Amino acid sequence: MEGDVIMNHPFEYPEIFYNEVIHYLESRWERRLTNHERHVLIEGYRYGRMIEAEAELKILYAD
């Protein structure tokens, strides 16, 4: 299963997904994020993905 993406819990993504978002913001702000900022960013990412998934489900199961 090498290279497969496996989620342990809903909306828990492999670290590579978070690293991309963290890198984007660190580049934009031209500094490293604090641990607290990283945690808040990851929680926001998970929330955004959850909202996105809910919207897609509504579209799929719309009458």
C-alpha atoms as a PDB file:
ATOM      1  CA  MET A   1       0.000   0.000   0.000  1.00  0.00           C
ATOM      2  CA  GLU A   2       2.954   2.297  -0.428  1.00  0.00           C
ATOM      3  CA  GLY A   3       1.863   5.734  -1.612  1.00  0.00           C
ATOM      4  CA  ASP A   4      -1.784   5.184  -0.662  1.00  0.00           C
ATOM      5  CA  VAL A   5      -3.518   7.956   1.255  1.00  0.00           C
ATOM      6  CA  ILE A   6      -5.132   6.542   4.382  1.00  0.00           C
ATOM      7  CA  MET A   7      -7.299   8.588   6.742  1.00  0.00           C
ATOM      8  CA  ASN A   8      -7.592   7.319  10.300  1.00  0.00           C
ATOM      9  CA  HIS A   9     -10.567   9.518  11.156  1.00  0.00           C
ATOM     10  CA  PRO A  10     -12.884  11.638   9.051  1.00  0.00           C
ATOM     11  CA  PHE A  11     -11.179  14.876   8.021  1.00  0.00           C
ATOM     12  CA  GLU A  12      -7.800  13.809   9.389  1.00  0.00           C
ATOM     13  CA  TYR A  13      -5.459  14.156   6.449  1.00  0.00           C
ATOM     14  CA  PRO A  14      -1.861  13.073   5.897  1.00  0.00           C
ATOM     15  CA  GLU A  15       0.695  15.627   7.028  1.00  0.00           C
ATOM     16  CA  ILE A  16       1.596  16.508   3.432  1.00  0.00           C
ATOM     17  CA  PHE A  17      -1.770  18.278   2.996  1.00  0.00           C
ATOM     18  CA  TYR A  18      -1.140  20.437   6.058  1.00  0.00           C
ATOM     19  CA  ASN A  19       2.456  21.145   5.024  1.00  0.00           C
ATOM     20  CA  GLU A  20       1.255  22.687   1.765  1.00  0.00           C
ATOM     21  CA  VAL A  21      -1.081  25.078   3.586  1.00  0.00           C
ATOM     22  CA  ILE A  22       1.519  25.893   6.244  1.00  0.00           C
ATOM     23  CA  HIS A  23       4.176  26.537   3.589  1.00  0.00           C
ATOM     24  CA  TYR A  24       1.805  28.816   1.671  1.00  0.00           C
ATOM     25  CA  LEU A  25       1.063  30.975   4.704  1.00  0.00           C
ATOM     26  CA  GLU A  26       4.680  31.066   5.913  1.00  0.00           C
ATOM     27  CA  SER A  27       5.759  32.194   2.444  1.00  0.00           C
ATOM     28  CA  ARG A  28       3.066  34.822   2.292  1.00  0.00           C
ATOM     29  CA  TRP A  29       3.869  36.174   5.765  1.00  0.00           C
ATOM     30  CA  GLU A  30       7.624  35.702   5.267  1.00  0.00           C
ATOM     31  CA  ARG A  31       8.089  34.015   8.658  1.00  0.00           C
ATOM     32  CA  ARG A  32       7.596  30.672  10.387  1.00  0.00           C
ATOM     33  CA  LEU A  33       4.265  30.081  12.091  1.00  0.00           C
ATOM     34  CA  THR A  34       4.116  29.479  15.818  1.00  0.00           C
ATOM     35  CA  ASN A  35       2.848  26.120  17.034  1.00  0.00           C
ATOM     36  CA  HIS A  36      -0.440  27.781  18.009  1.00  0.00           C
ATOM     37  CA  GLU A  37      -0.836  29.324  14.544  1.00  0.00           C
ATOM     38  CA  ARG A  38      -0.115  25.958  12.922  1.00  0.00           C
ATOM     39  CA  HIS A  39      -2.737  24.263  15.094  1.00  0.00           C
ATOM     40  CA  VAL A  40      -5.368  26.894  14.289  1.00  0.00           C
ATOM     41  CA  LEU A  41      -4.521  26.669  10.587  1.00  0.00           C
ATOM     42  CA  ILE A  42      -4.866  22.868  10.596  1.00  0.00           C
ATOM     43  CA  GLU A  43      -8.213  23.036  12.399  1.00  0.00           C
ATOM     44  CA  GLY A  44      -9.400  25.649   9.895  1.00  0.00           C
ATOM     45  CA  TYR A  45      -8.254  23.442   7.019  1.00  0.00           C
ATOM     46  CA  ARG A  46     -10.176  20.476   8.423  1.00  0.00           C
ATOM     47  CA  TYR A  47     -13.277  22.619   8.922  1.00  0.00           C
ATOM     48  CA  GLY A  48     -13.082  23.971   5.375  1.00  0.00           C
ATOM     49  CA  ARG A  49     -12.727  20.476   3.931  1.00  0.00           C
ATOM     50  CA  MET A  50     -15.704  19.296   6.002  1.00  0.00           C
ATOM     51  CA  ILE A  51     -17.894  22.136   4.693  1.00  0.00           C
ATOM     52  CA  GLU A  52     -16.729  21.366   1.158  1.00  0.00           C
ATOM     53  CA  ALA A  53     -17.613  17.678   1.554  1.00  0.00           C
ATOM     54  CA  GLU A  54     -21.053  18.500   2.969  1.00  0.00           C
ATOM     55  CA  ALA A  55     -21.774  20.786   0.011  1.00  0.00           C
ATOM     56  CA  GLU A  56     -20.738  18.062  -2.429  1.00  0.00           C
ATOM     57  CA  LEU A  57     -22.994  15.533  -0.686  1.00  0.00           C
ATOM     58  CA  LYS A  58     -25.934  17.936  -0.888  1.00  0.00           C
ATOM     59  CA  ILE A  59     -25.355  18.266  -4.626  1.00  0.00           C
ATOM     60  CA  LEU A  60     -25.037  14.501  -5.108  1.00  0.00           C
ATOM     61  CA  TYR A  61     -28.195  13.686  -3.176  1.00  0.00           C
ATOM     62  CA  ALA A  62     -30.323  16.649  -4.230  1.00  0.00           C
ATOM     63  CA  ASP A  63     -33.723  15.738  -5.591  1.00  0.00           C
END
